[in-house]
C-alpha atoms as a PDB file:
ATOM      1  CA  MET A   1     169.821 164.336  88.865  1.00  0.00           C
ATOM      2  CA  ALA A   2     172.651 166.511  90.072  1.00  0.00           C
ATOM      3  CA  SER A   3     172.158 170.234  89.729  1.00  0.00           C
ATOM      4  CA  GLU A   4     174.593 172.430  87.815  1.00  0.00           C
ATOM      5  CA  ALA A   5     175.882 173.773  91.127  1.00  0.00           C
ATOM      6  CA  GLN A   6     176.631 170.252  92.373  1.00  0.00           C
ATOM      7  CA  ILE A   7     178.409 169.362  89.149  1.00  0.00           C
ATOM      8  CA  ASN A   8     180.590 172.451  89.420  1.00  0.00           C
ATOM      9  CA  ALA A   9     181.342 171.650  93.059  1.00  0.00           C
ATOM     10  CA  ASN A  10     182.363 168.081  92.130  1.00  0.00           C
ATOM     11  CA  ARG A  11     184.682 169.400  89.459  1.00  0.00           C
ATOM     12  CA  ALA A  12     186.294 171.771  91.937  1.00  0.00           C
ATOM     13  CA  ASN A  13     186.779 168.976  94.472  1.00  0.00           C
ATOM     14  CA  ALA A  14     188.301 166.754  91.815  1.00  0.00           C
ATOM     15  CA  GLN A  15     190.908 169.388  91.092  1.00  0.00           C
ATOM     16  CA  HIS A  16     191.930 169.308  94.757  1.00  0.00           C
ATOM     17  CA  SER A  17     192.126 165.510  94.890  1.00  0.00           C
ATOM     18  CA  THR A  18     194.455 164.916  91.943  1.00  0.00           C
ATOM     19  CA  GLY A  19     197.514 164.719  94.220  1.00  0.00           C
ATOM     20  CA  PRO A  20     200.814 166.564  93.942  1.00  0.00           C
ATOM     21  CA  LEU A  21     201.301 168.283  90.618  1.00  0.00           C
ATOM     22  CA  SER A  22     204.777 169.837  90.674  1.00  0.00           C
ATOM     23  CA  PRO A  23     207.881 167.611  90.247  1.00  0.00           C
ATOM     24  CA  GLU A  24     209.059 168.573  93.730  1.00  0.00           C
ATOM     25  CA  THR A  25     205.800 167.674  95.486  1.00  0.00           C
ATOM     26  CA  LYS A  26     205.463 164.476  93.456  1.00  0.00           C
ATOM     27  CA  PHE A  27     208.961 163.428  94.534  1.00  0.00           C
ATOM     28  CA  ILE A  28     208.250 164.176  98.194  1.00  0.00           C
ATOM     29  CA  SER A  29     204.915 162.374  98.040  1.00  0.00           C
ATOM     30  CA  SER A  30     206.473 159.280  96.477  1.00  0.00           C
ATOM     31  CA  HIS A  31     208.843 158.991  99.452  1.00  0.00           C
ATOM     32  CA  ASN A  32     206.382 159.727 102.243  1.00  0.00           C
ATOM     33  CA  ALA A  33     205.928 156.038 103.064  1.00  0.00           C
ATOM     34  CA  LEU A  34     209.649 155.296 103.320  1.00  0.00           C
ATOM     35  CA  LYS A  35     211.169 154.519 106.697  1.00  0.00           C
ATOM     36  CA  THR A  36     214.446 152.653 106.343  1.00  0.00           C
ATOM     37  CA  GLY A  37     214.263 151.848 102.645  1.00  0.00           C
ATOM     38  CA  LEU A  38     214.450 148.115 103.351  1.00  0.00           C
ATOM     39  CA  THR A  39     210.926 147.248 102.244  1.00  0.00           C
ATOM     40  CA  GLY A  40     208.557 148.274  99.490  1.00  0.00           C
ATOM     41  CA  ARG A  41     209.136 148.937  95.798  1.00  0.00           C
ATOM     42  CA  THR A  42     211.297 152.044  96.138  1.00  0.00           C
ATOM     43  CA  VAL A  43     214.945 151.052  95.955  1.00  0.00           C
ATOM     44  CA  LEU A  44     216.819 154.346  95.881  1.00  0.00           C
ATOM     45  CA  LEU A  45     216.348 156.886  98.638  1.00  0.00           C
ATOM     46  CA  PRO A  46     216.883 160.596  97.951  1.00  0.00           C
ATOM     47  CA  THR A  47     220.253 160.408  99.730  1.00  0.00           C
ATOM     48  CA  ASP A  48     221.475 157.274  97.953  1.00  0.00           C
ATOM     49  CA  ASP A  49     224.507 157.257  95.683  1.00  0.00           C
ATOM     50  CA  VAL A  50     223.113 156.572  92.209  1.00  0.00           C
ATOM     51  CA  ALA A  51     226.575 155.910  90.761  1.00  0.00           C
ATOM     52  CA  ALA A  52     227.238 153.285  93.440  1.00  0.00           C
ATOM     53  CA  TYR A  53     223.899 151.624  92.658  1.00  0.00           C
ATOM     54  CA  GLU A  54     224.696 151.557  88.938  1.00  0.00           C
ATOM     55  CA  LYS A  55     228.132 150.081  89.696  1.00  0.00           C
ATOM     56  CA  LEU A  56     226.539 147.335  91.801  1.00  0.00           C
ATOM     57  CA  THR A  57     224.104 146.644  88.964  1.00  0.00           C
ATOM     58  CA  ALA A  58     226.983 146.276  86.521  1.00  0.00           C
ATOM     59  CA  ILE A  59     228.910 143.961  88.866  1.00  0.00           C
ATOM     60  CA  VAL A  60     225.987 141.624  89.571  1.00  0.00           C
ATOM     61  CA  THR A  61     224.927 141.582  85.913  1.00  0.00           C
ATOM     62  CA  ALA A  62     228.475 140.703  84.826  1.00  0.00           C
ATOM     63  CA  GLN A  63     228.609 137.972  87.473  1.00  0.00           C
ATOM     64  CA  TRP A  64     225.423 136.197  86.352  1.00  0.00           C
ATOM     65  CA  GLN A  65     225.220 137.291  82.681  1.00  0.00           C
ATOM     66  CA  PRO A  66     221.454 136.950  82.174  1.00  0.00           C
ATOM     67  CA  LYS A  67     220.380 136.168  78.617  1.00  0.00           C
ATOM     68  CA  THR A  68     216.584 136.111  78.629  1.00  0.00           C
ATOM     69  CA  ASP A  69     214.089 138.686  79.909  1.00  0.00           C
ATOM     70  CA  PRO A  70     213.027 136.500  82.889  1.00  0.00           C
ATOM     71  CA  GLU A  71     216.689 136.065  83.840  1.00  0.00           C
ATOM     72  CA  LYS A  72     217.255 139.829  83.613  1.00  0.00           C
ATOM     73  CA  VAL A  73     214.253 140.496  85.877  1.00  0.00           C
ATOM     74  CA  VAL A  74     215.571 138.095  88.525  1.00  0.00           C
ATOM     75  CA  VAL A  75     219.075 139.576  88.354  1.00  0.00           C
ATOM     76  CA  GLN A  76     217.637 143.069  88.814  1.00  0.00           C
ATOM     77  CA  ASP A  77     215.778 141.818  91.901  1.00  0.00           C
ATOM     78  CA  MET A  78     219.085 140.406  93.144  1.00  0.00           C
ATOM     79  CA  VAL A  79     220.720 143.808  92.669  1.00  0.00           C
ATOM     80  CA  ASP A  80     217.958 145.578  94.586  1.00  0.00           C
ATOM     81  CA  THR A  81     218.106 143.047  97.402  1.00  0.00           C
ATOM     82  CA  ARG A  82     221.875 143.422  97.698  1.00  0.00           C
ATOM     83  CA  TRP A  83     221.474 147.201  97.731  1.00  0.00           C
ATOM     84  CA  ARG A  84     219.069 146.994 100.652  1.00  0.00           C
ATOM     85  CA  LEU A  85     221.443 144.648 102.477  1.00  0.00           C
ATOM     86  CA  LEU A  86     224.269 147.149 102.030  1.00  0.00           C
ATOM     87  CA  ARG A  87     222.061 149.820 103.578  1.00  0.00           C
ATOM     88  CA  ILE A  88     221.663 147.948 106.891  1.00  0.00           C
ATOM     89  CA  PRO A  89     225.189 148.536 108.312  1.00  0.00           C
ATOM     90  CA  THR A  90     224.851 152.246 107.531  1.00  0.00           C
ATOM     91  CA  LEU A  91     221.499 152.450 109.292  1.00  0.00           C
ATOM     92  CA  GLU A  92     222.814 150.518 112.291  1.00  0.00           C
ATOM     93  CA  SER A  93     225.841 152.781 112.543  1.00  0.00           C
ATOM     94  CA  ALA A  94     223.588 155.839 112.340  1.00  0.00           C
ATOM     95  CA  ILE A  95     221.410 154.576 115.201  1.00  0.00           C
ATOM     96  CA  TRP A  96     224.417 153.987 117.456  1.00  0.00           C
ATOM     97  CA  SER A  97     225.956 157.345 116.565  1.00  0.00           C
ATOM     98  CA  LEU A  98     222.716 159.176 117.285  1.00  0.00           C
ATOM     99  CA  GLY A  99     222.164 157.289 120.518  1.00  0.00           C
ATOM    100  CA  ARG A 100     225.671 157.916 121.824  1.00  0.00           C
ATOM    101  CA  GLY A 101     225.219 161.613 121.292  1.00  0.00           C
ATOM    102  CA  GLN A 102     221.886 161.582 123.097  1.00  0.00           C
ATOM    103  CA  MET A 103     223.100 159.511 126.061  1.00  0.00           C
ATOM    104  CA  ALA A 104     226.497 161.134 126.584  1.00  0.00           C
ATOM    105  CA  GLY A 105     225.065 163.750 128.933  1.00  0.00           C
ATOM    106  CA  GLU A 106     223.330 161.153 131.101  1.00  0.00           C
ATOM    107  CA  CYS A 107     226.648 159.433 131.813  1.00  0.00           C
ATOM    108  CA  ALA A 108     228.777 162.559 132.258  1.00  0.00           C
ATOM    109  CA  ALA A 109     229.067 161.983 136.008  1.00  0.00           C
ATOM    110  CA  GLU A 110     230.953 158.709 135.472  1.00  0.00           C
ATOM    111  CA  GLU A 111     234.664 159.537 135.669  1.00  0.00           C
ATOM    112  CA  ASN A 112     235.985 156.205 134.422  1.00  0.00           C
ATOM    113  CA  PRO A 113     236.082 156.451 130.566  1.00  0.00           C
ATOM    114  CA  THR A 114     235.592 152.719 130.085  1.00  0.00           C
ATOM    115  CA  GLU A 115     232.630 152.571 132.446  1.00  0.00           C
ATOM    116  CA  ARG A 116     231.137 155.700 130.897  1.00  0.00           C
ATOM    117  CA  ALA A 117     231.382 154.201 127.405  1.00  0.00           C
ATOM    118  CA  LEU A 118     229.777 150.938 128.563  1.00  0.00           C
ATOM    119  CA  ASN A 119     226.950 152.805 130.249  1.00  0.00           C
ATOM    120  CA  ILE A 120     226.297 154.809 127.091  1.00  0.00           C
ATOM    121  CA  GLU A 121     226.201 151.645 124.986  1.00  0.00           C
ATOM    122  CA  ALA A 122     223.742 150.054 127.407  1.00  0.00           C
ATOM    123  CA  LEU A 123     221.458 153.094 127.350  1.00  0.00           C
ATOM    124  CA  VAL A 124     221.529 153.259 123.554  1.00  0.00           C
ATOM    125  CA  LEU A 125     220.706 149.557 123.297  1.00  0.00           C
ATOM    126  CA  ALA A 126     217.833 149.952 125.744  1.00  0.00           C
ATOM    127  CA  LYS A 127     216.359 152.943 123.917  1.00  0.00           C
ATOM    128  CA  TYR A 128     216.800 151.660 120.357  1.00  0.00           C
ATOM    129  CA  LYS A 129     216.402 147.933 120.988  1.00  0.00           C
ATOM    130  CA  SER A 130     213.324 147.744 118.780  1.00  0.00           C
ATOM    131  CA  GLU A 131     214.979 149.554 115.858  1.00  0.00           C
ATOM    132  CA  LEU A 132     218.165 147.473 116.071  1.00  0.00           C
ATOM    133  CA  SER A 133     216.157 144.270 116.329  1.00  0.00           C
ATOM    134  CA  ASN A 134     214.156 145.255 113.271  1.00  0.00           C
ATOM    135  CA  LEU A 135     217.352 145.788 111.301  1.00  0.00           C
ATOM    136  CA  HIS A 136     218.474 142.293 112.276  1.00  0.00           C
ATOM    137  CA  LEU A 137     215.153 140.828 111.151  1.00  0.00           C
ATOM    138  CA  GLN A 138     215.317 142.715 107.867  1.00  0.00           C
ATOM    139  CA  ASP A 139     218.857 141.477 107.296  1.00  0.00           C
ATOM    140  CA  ASN A 140     217.748 137.858 107.711  1.00  0.00           C
ATOM    141  CA  ARG A 141     214.709 138.398 105.494  1.00  0.00           C
ATOM    142  CA  LEU A 142     216.752 139.988 102.714  1.00  0.00           C
ATOM    143  CA  ARG A 143     219.358 137.238 102.836  1.00  0.00           C
ATOM    144  CA  ARG A 144     216.653 134.597 102.500  1.00  0.00           C
ATOM    145  CA  THR A 145     215.203 136.546  99.589  1.00  0.00           C
ATOM    146  CA  LEU A 146     218.605 136.680  97.916  1.00  0.00           C
ATOM    147  CA  GLU A 147     219.023 132.913  98.335  1.00  0.00           C
ATOM    148  CA  LYS A 148     215.624 132.301  96.721  1.00  0.00           C
ATOM    149  CA  LEU A 149     216.414 134.649  93.850  1.00  0.00           C
ATOM    150  CA  THR A 150     219.755 132.943  93.266  1.00  0.00           C
ATOM    151  CA  ALA A 151     218.066 129.534  93.155  1.00  0.00           C
ATOM    152  CA  GLU A 152     215.391 130.908  90.806  1.00  0.00           C
ATOM    153  CA  PHE A 153     218.004 132.325  88.447  1.00  0.00           C
ATOM    154  CA  LYS A 154     219.980 129.064  88.396  1.00  0.00           C
ATOM    155  CA  ALA A 155     216.794 127.161  87.537  1.00  0.00           C
ATOM    156  CA  LEU A 156     216.002 129.570  84.693  1.00  0.00           C
ATOM    157  CA  ARG A 157     219.553 129.326  83.365  1.00  0.00           C
ATOM    158  CA  ALA A 158     219.535 125.523  83.543  1.00  0.00           C
ATOM    159  CA  GLU A 159     216.241 125.418  81.633  1.00  0.00           C
ATOM    160  CA  ARG A 160     217.571 127.795  78.985  1.00  0.00           C
ATOM    161  CA  GLU A 161     220.828 125.883  78.558  1.00  0.00           C
ATOM    162  CA  SER A 162     218.930 122.607  78.293  1.00  0.00           C
ATOM    163  CA  LEU A 163     216.733 124.005  75.517  1.00  0.00           C
ATOM    164  CA  GLU A 164     219.780 125.486  73.797  1.00  0.00           C
ATOM    165  CA  GLN A 165     221.507 122.102  73.877  1.00  0.00           C
ATOM    166  CA  ILE A 166     218.427 120.433  72.411  1.00  0.00           C
ATOM    167  CA  ARG A 167     218.289 122.992  69.602  1.00  0.00           C
ATOM    168  CA  LEU A 168     222.005 122.599  68.991  1.00  0.00           C
ATOM    169  CA  ASN A 169     221.720 118.813  68.828  1.00  0.00           C
ATOM    170  CA  GLN A 170     218.834 119.121  66.377  1.00  0.00           C
ATOM    171  CA  ALA A 171     220.742 121.635  64.289  1.00  0.00           C
ATOM    172  CA  MET A 172     223.880 119.504  64.231  1.00  0.00           C
ATOM    173  CA  PHE A 173     221.842 116.464  63.212  1.00  0.00           C
ATOM    174  CA  ALA A 174     220.268 118.414  60.348  1.00  0.00           C
ATOM    175  CA  PHE A 175     223.659 119.819  59.379  1.00  0.00           C
ATOM    176  CA  THR A 176     225.347 116.411  59.343  1.00  0.00           C
ATOM    177  CA  TYR A 177     222.479 114.818  57.441  1.00  0.00           C
ATOM    178  CA  ASN A 178     222.416 117.558  54.826  1.00  0.00           C
ATOM    179  CA  PHE A 179     226.190 117.553  54.446  1.00  0.00           C
ATOM    180  CA  LYS A 180     226.429 113.799  53.894  1.00  0.00           C
ATOM    181  CA  THR A 181     223.399 113.400  51.648  1.00  0.00           C
ATOM    182  CA  LEU A 182     223.843 116.562  49.614  1.00  0.00           C
ATOM    183  CA  HIS A 183     227.594 116.086  49.183  1.00  0.00           C
ATOM    184  CA  GLN A 184     226.899 112.792  47.491  1.00  0.00           C
ATOM    185  CA  LYS A 185     224.478 114.535  45.125  1.00  0.00           C
ATOM    186  CA  PHE A 186     226.079 117.937  44.585  1.00  0.00           C
ATOM    187  CA  GLY A 187     229.679 117.546  45.725  1.00  0.00           C
ATOM    188  CA  PHE A 188     230.716 120.773  47.449  1.00  0.00           C
ATOM    189  CA  GLU A 189     228.077 122.823  45.690  1.00  0.00           C
ATOM    190  CA  PHE A 190     226.188 124.454  48.616  1.00  0.00           C
ATOM    191  CA  SER A 191     222.443 123.879  48.272  1.00  0.00           C
ATOM    192  CA  SER A 192     219.741 125.891  50.007  1.00  0.00           C
ATOM    193  CA  GLU A 193     219.043 122.929  52.292  1.00  0.00           C
ATOM    194  CA  TYR A 194     222.660 122.828  53.379  1.00  0.00           C
ATOM    195  CA  LEU A 195     222.776 126.577  53.960  1.00  0.00           C
ATOM    196  CA  THR A 196     219.599 126.397  56.067  1.00  0.00           C
ATOM    197  CA  ALA A 197     221.070 123.632  58.234  1.00  0.00           C
ATOM    198  CA  ARG A 198     224.325 125.534  58.580  1.00  0.00           C
ATOM    199  CA  GLN A 199     222.506 128.697  59.710  1.00  0.00           C
ATOM    200  CA  GLU A 200     220.566 126.696  62.320  1.00  0.00           C
ATOM    201  CA  VAL A 201     223.855 125.476  63.797  1.00  0.00           C
ATOM    202  CA  LYS A 202     225.226 129.028  63.920  1.00  0.00           C
ATOM    203  CA  SER A 203     222.086 130.490  65.523  1.00  0.00           C
ATOM    204  CA  SER A 204     222.133 127.697  68.120  1.00  0.00           C
ATOM    205  CA  GLY A 205     225.632 128.687  69.206  1.00  0.00           C
ATOM    206  CA  GLY A 206     227.398 125.754  67.586  1.00  0.00           C
ATOM    207  CA  GLU A 207     229.515 127.460  64.935  1.00  0.00           C
ATOM    208  CA  ALA A 208     232.667 126.229  66.692  1.00  0.00           C
ATOM    209  CA  LEU A 209     231.511 122.665  65.921  1.00  0.00           C
ATOM    210  CA  LEU A 210     231.504 123.263  62.173  1.00  0.00           C
ATOM    211  CA  PRO A 211     234.447 121.981  60.126  1.00  0.00           C
ATOM    212  CA  THR A 212     237.371 124.364  59.778  1.00  0.00           C
ATOM    213  CA  TRP A 213     236.852 124.802  56.067  1.00  0.00           C
ATOM    214  CA  ASP A 214     233.177 125.551  56.643  1.00  0.00           C
ATOM    215  CA  ARG A 215     233.765 128.108  59.438  1.00  0.00           C
ATOM    216  CA  THR A 216     235.890 130.184  57.075  1.00  0.00           C
ATOM    217  CA  TRP A 217     233.374 129.948  54.232  1.00  0.00           C
ATOM    218  CA  ARG A 218     231.938 133.312  53.159  1.00  0.00           C
ATOM    219  CA  ASP A 219     229.841 132.735  49.993  1.00  0.00           C
ATOM    220  CA  LYS A 220     227.949 130.085  48.112  1.00  0.00           C
ATOM    221  CA  SER A 221     230.790 129.142  45.784  1.00  0.00           C
ATOM    222  CA  SER A 222     232.168 125.624  45.684  1.00  0.00           C
ATOM    223  CA  LYS A 223     234.828 124.765  48.236  1.00  0.00           C
ATOM    224  CA  THR A 224     237.073 121.817  48.930  1.00  0.00           C
ATOM    225  CA  PRO A 225     238.004 120.789  52.467  1.00  0.00           C
ATOM    226  CA  ASP A 226     241.492 121.435  53.880  1.00  0.00           C
END
């Protein structure tokens, strides 16, 4: 059995192992594993433009118009993938800019401006070949991911639309059946069965298929068609 001194020591150690506590240290800790921001769950880097990200989200969402929760999840993944793709040109440009500044002094002896520029480019490519190659690989990976997400969304949408069409067909069948059979019995007195069938058509997105006189109907009073 642990002594009271050991228990107190364990409690003290636990206090030191709870991780960052302040908002600032938590934020820094959450970004410690980031390198280029092209992998992992973190989408926005501390230097990213949040407004630009929100604008991209709005554009992609408006383009695909997801209806169900699974569709919305896929569209959000598409947004995040596009955001990472947009980051690649900036990172590539930053590597070249940094490298040119570092290598300019090594080529200062070359008097010909064109030759000096070519030599600098060659030195930058040699030094940062691995980083530039990695960006190229990440670009290909993200584009493949975006293609898969697009195909996944289209499959989800096709499934949803198919089910919606089935429900609409069922609702229209019930509506037509109730209208014909109940009209013979009640005339244009709207029964509860008719109202139920009519509501099913509306909820299935088929209100435009209802007769003109029915689409303008607003209460349960008797009506005559146009």
